């Protein structure tokens, strides 16, 4: 059986990175939604429970100055472990 916990963890981390970049850019959720051309309630869910759709990632990166790769990076799984 497939373990979805890794996918769920990636999704949560992705939402957190989206919020982090938005806050760092000094924008409110409402202003970000306006910049992306979507309703504020829809944008809000991209910081809490749903990944930002691929068609908005490029625009989000331009607006925030985020490196697209940094949105998708996963922490090194062995980071913090003593090998």
N, C-alpha and C. Protein backbone atom coordinates (compact mmCIF):
# COMPACT_ATOMS: atom_id res chain seq x y z
N UNK A 1 0.84 -1.18 0.00
CA UNK A 1 0.00 0.00 0.00
C UNK A 1 0.88 1.25 0.00
N UNK A 2 0.48 2.26 -0.73
CA UNK A 2 1.25 3.51 -0.85
C UNK A 2 1.07 4.38 0.38
N UNK A 3 2.18 4.88 0.89
CA UNK A 3 2.16 5.77 2.06
C UNK A 3 2.11 7.21 1.57
N UNK A 4 1.01 7.90 1.83
CA UNK A 4 0.82 9.27 1.37
C UNK A 4 1.40 10.31 2.33
N UNK A 5 1.99 9.89 3.42
CA UNK A 5 2.48 10.85 4.42
C UNK A 5 3.56 11.76 3.87
N UNK A 6 4.42 11.24 3.00
CA UNK A 6 5.46 12.07 2.39
C UNK A 6 4.88 13.14 1.50
N UNK A 7 3.84 12.80 0.76
CA UNK A 7 3.16 13.76 -0.11
C UNK A 7 2.49 14.84 0.73
N UNK A 8 1.81 14.43 1.77
CA UNK A 8 1.12 15.38 2.64
C UNK A 8 2.12 16.33 3.29
N UNK A 9 3.26 15.81 3.72
CA UNK A 9 4.29 16.65 4.34
C UNK A 9 4.84 17.65 3.33
N UNK A 10 5.07 17.20 2.09
CA UNK A 10 5.55 18.11 1.05
C UNK A 10 4.53 19.21 0.82
N UNK A 11 3.25 18.85 0.74
CA UNK A 11 2.19 19.85 0.51
C UNK A 11 2.16 20.89 1.63
N UNK A 12 2.26 20.43 2.87
CA UNK A 12 2.28 21.38 4.00
C UNK A 12 3.48 22.30 3.93
N UNK A 13 4.64 21.73 3.63
CA UNK A 13 5.86 22.53 3.54
C UNK A 13 5.78 23.52 2.37
N UNK A 14 5.18 23.10 1.26
CA UNK A 14 5.04 23.99 0.11
C UNK A 14 4.16 25.18 0.49
N UNK A 15 3.04 24.93 1.15
CA UNK A 15 2.15 26.01 1.58
C UNK A 15 2.89 26.96 2.51
N UNK A 16 3.69 26.43 3.40
CA UNK A 16 4.46 27.26 4.32
C UNK A 16 5.45 28.13 3.56
N UNK A 17 6.12 27.56 2.55
CA UNK A 17 7.08 28.35 1.76
C UNK A 17 6.36 29.45 0.98
N UNK A 18 5.18 29.18 0.47
CA UNK A 18 4.40 30.20 -0.24
C UNK A 18 4.10 31.35 0.71
N UNK A 19 3.63 31.03 1.90
CA UNK A 19 3.32 32.07 2.87
C UNK A 19 4.59 32.86 3.25
N UNK A 20 5.68 32.15 3.48
CA UNK A 20 6.93 32.80 3.86
C UNK A 20 7.38 33.80 2.80
N UNK A 21 7.30 33.41 1.53
CA UNK A 21 7.70 34.32 0.44
C UNK A 21 6.75 35.50 0.34
N UNK A 22 5.47 35.27 0.52
CA UNK A 22 4.51 36.37 0.46
C UNK A 22 4.76 37.38 1.57
N UNK A 23 4.94 36.89 2.78
CA UNK A 23 5.20 37.77 3.92
C UNK A 23 6.51 38.53 3.70
N UNK A 24 7.55 37.84 3.25
CA UNK A 24 8.84 38.48 3.01
C UNK A 24 8.75 39.58 1.96
N UNK A 25 7.81 39.44 1.03
CA UNK A 25 7.65 40.45 -0.02
C UNK A 25 6.85 41.65 0.47
N UNK A 26 6.30 41.55 1.69
CA UNK A 26 5.55 42.66 2.27
C UNK A 26 4.12 42.78 1.79
N UNK A 27 3.60 41.73 1.19
CA UNK A 27 2.23 41.78 0.66
C UNK A 27 1.25 41.09 1.61
N UNK A 28 0.04 41.60 1.63
CA UNK A 28 -1.04 40.93 2.35
C UNK A 28 -1.58 39.83 1.46
N UNK A 29 -2.38 38.94 2.03
CA UNK A 29 -3.02 37.91 1.22
C UNK A 29 -3.92 38.55 0.16
N UNK A 30 -4.61 39.60 0.55
CA UNK A 30 -5.51 40.27 -0.39
C UNK A 30 -4.74 40.86 -1.57
N UNK A 31 -3.63 41.52 -1.29
CA UNK A 31 -2.82 42.12 -2.37
C UNK A 31 -2.22 41.03 -3.26
N UNK A 32 -1.81 39.91 -2.66
CA UNK A 32 -1.26 38.81 -3.46
C UNK A 32 -2.34 38.23 -4.36
N UNK A 33 -3.53 38.04 -3.82
CA UNK A 33 -4.63 37.52 -4.64
C UNK A 33 -4.89 38.45 -5.81
N UNK A 34 -4.88 39.75 -5.55
CA UNK A 34 -5.10 40.73 -6.61
C UNK A 34 -3.99 40.63 -7.66
N UNK A 35 -2.74 40.51 -7.22
CA UNK A 35 -1.61 40.40 -8.15
C UNK A 35 -1.70 39.13 -9.00
N UNK A 36 -2.26 38.07 -8.43
CA UNK A 36 -2.40 36.80 -9.16
C UNK A 36 -3.69 36.72 -9.96
N UNK A 37 -4.59 37.69 -9.73
CA UNK A 37 -5.85 37.71 -10.47
C UNK A 37 -6.84 36.66 -10.00
N UNK A 38 -6.82 36.37 -8.70
CA UNK A 38 -7.73 35.37 -8.15
C UNK A 38 -8.43 35.96 -6.92
N UNK A 39 -9.55 35.37 -6.51
CA UNK A 39 -10.25 35.84 -5.31
C UNK A 39 -9.39 35.62 -4.05
N UNK A 40 -9.48 36.54 -3.08
CA UNK A 40 -8.69 36.39 -1.85
C UNK A 40 -8.93 35.07 -1.11
N UNK A 41 -10.15 34.60 -1.04
CA UNK A 41 -10.43 33.33 -0.35
C UNK A 41 -9.72 32.16 -1.03
N UNK A 42 -9.64 32.23 -2.35
CA UNK A 42 -8.95 31.17 -3.08
C UNK A 42 -7.46 31.21 -2.77
N UNK A 43 -6.89 32.41 -2.74
CA UNK A 43 -5.46 32.51 -2.43
C UNK A 43 -5.19 32.01 -1.00
N UNK A 44 -6.07 32.36 -0.08
CA UNK A 44 -5.87 31.98 1.32
C UNK A 44 -5.65 30.48 1.48
N UNK A 45 -6.37 29.68 0.71
CA UNK A 45 -6.22 28.23 0.84
C UNK A 45 -4.85 27.75 0.34
N UNK A 46 -4.19 28.54 -0.52
CA UNK A 46 -2.86 28.15 -1.00
C UNK A 46 -1.80 28.30 0.07
N UNK A 47 -2.12 28.97 1.16
CA UNK A 47 -1.18 29.08 2.27
C UNK A 47 -1.54 28.14 3.41
N UNK A 48 -2.67 27.47 3.30
CA UNK A 48 -3.10 26.64 4.41
C UNK A 48 -3.32 25.17 4.08
N UNK A 49 -3.85 24.87 2.88
CA UNK A 49 -4.18 23.46 2.64
C UNK A 49 -4.00 22.96 1.22
N UNK A 50 -3.85 23.82 0.25
CA UNK A 50 -3.72 23.38 -1.14
C UNK A 50 -2.49 24.02 -1.77
N UNK A 51 -1.80 23.25 -2.59
CA UNK A 51 -0.63 23.82 -3.26
C UNK A 51 -1.05 24.86 -4.30
N UNK A 52 -0.23 25.87 -4.45
CA UNK A 52 -0.41 26.88 -5.49
C UNK A 52 -0.37 26.16 -6.83
N UNK A 53 -1.39 26.33 -7.68
CA UNK A 53 -1.40 25.62 -8.97
C UNK A 53 -0.24 26.04 -9.86
N UNK A 54 0.21 25.10 -10.67
CA UNK A 54 1.38 25.35 -11.52
C UNK A 54 1.22 26.57 -12.39
N UNK A 55 -0.01 26.88 -12.82
CA UNK A 55 -0.20 28.03 -13.70
C UNK A 55 -0.01 29.36 -12.98
N UNK A 56 0.04 29.34 -11.65
CA UNK A 56 0.26 30.57 -10.88
C UNK A 56 1.67 30.68 -10.30
N UNK A 57 2.43 29.60 -10.34
CA UNK A 57 3.75 29.59 -9.71
C UNK A 57 4.68 30.64 -10.31
N UNK A 58 4.74 30.74 -11.61
CA UNK A 58 5.63 31.72 -12.26
C UNK A 58 5.27 33.15 -11.89
N UNK A 59 4.01 33.46 -11.93
CA UNK A 59 3.56 34.81 -11.58
C UNK A 59 3.86 35.09 -10.10
N UNK A 60 3.59 34.11 -9.24
CA UNK A 60 3.88 34.26 -7.82
C UNK A 60 5.37 34.56 -7.62
N UNK A 61 6.22 33.81 -8.30
CA UNK A 61 7.67 34.01 -8.17
C UNK A 61 8.08 35.41 -8.63
N UNK A 62 7.51 35.88 -9.73
CA UNK A 62 7.85 37.23 -10.20
C UNK A 62 7.40 38.30 -9.21
N UNK A 63 6.20 38.14 -8.67
CA UNK A 63 5.65 39.13 -7.75
C UNK A 63 6.46 39.18 -6.45
N UNK A 64 6.86 38.02 -5.95
CA UNK A 64 7.54 37.96 -4.65
C UNK A 64 9.06 38.02 -4.76
N UNK A 65 9.58 37.76 -5.95
CA UNK A 65 11.03 37.66 -6.11
C UNK A 65 11.57 36.30 -5.71
N UNK A 66 10.66 35.35 -5.51
CA UNK A 66 11.06 33.99 -5.10
C UNK A 66 11.73 33.27 -6.26
N UNK A 67 12.69 32.45 -5.92
CA UNK A 67 13.27 31.52 -6.87
C UNK A 67 12.31 30.33 -6.95
N UNK A 68 11.87 30.00 -8.15
CA UNK A 68 10.89 28.92 -8.30
C UNK A 68 11.39 27.63 -7.65
N UNK A 69 12.65 27.33 -7.82
CA UNK A 69 13.20 26.12 -7.23
C UNK A 69 13.06 26.08 -5.72
N UNK A 70 13.19 27.25 -5.08
CA UNK A 70 13.10 27.29 -3.62
C UNK A 70 11.70 26.94 -3.13
N UNK A 71 10.70 27.14 -3.97
CA UNK A 71 9.34 26.77 -3.58
C UNK A 71 9.17 25.26 -3.52
N UNK A 72 9.96 24.55 -4.33
CA UNK A 72 9.82 23.10 -4.43
C UNK A 72 10.87 22.32 -3.66
N UNK A 73 11.85 23.00 -3.09
CA UNK A 73 12.92 22.31 -2.36
C UNK A 73 12.36 21.59 -1.16
N UNK A 74 12.88 20.40 -0.94
CA UNK A 74 12.54 19.67 0.27
C UNK A 74 13.78 19.67 1.15
N UNK A 75 13.58 19.78 2.44
CA UNK A 75 14.76 19.71 3.32
C UNK A 75 15.47 18.39 3.13
N UNK A 76 16.76 18.42 3.25
CA UNK A 76 17.55 17.20 3.13
C UNK A 76 17.08 16.21 4.20
N UNK A 77 16.69 15.04 3.76
CA UNK A 77 16.13 14.05 4.69
C UNK A 77 17.13 13.61 5.75
N UNK A 78 18.42 13.74 5.44
CA UNK A 78 19.41 13.31 6.43
C UNK A 78 19.95 14.48 7.24
N UNK A 79 19.48 15.68 6.94
CA UNK A 79 19.93 16.85 7.68
C UNK A 79 19.61 16.67 9.17
N UNK A 80 20.56 16.97 9.98
CA UNK A 80 20.36 16.87 11.42
C UNK A 80 20.61 15.48 11.97
N UNK A 81 20.79 14.51 11.08
CA UNK A 81 21.08 13.19 11.60
C UNK A 81 22.60 13.03 11.70
N UNK A 82 23.05 12.29 12.65
CA UNK A 82 24.48 12.09 12.80
C UNK A 82 24.84 10.81 12.07
N UNK A 83 25.66 10.99 11.04
CA UNK A 83 26.02 9.84 10.24
C UNK A 83 27.44 9.44 10.53
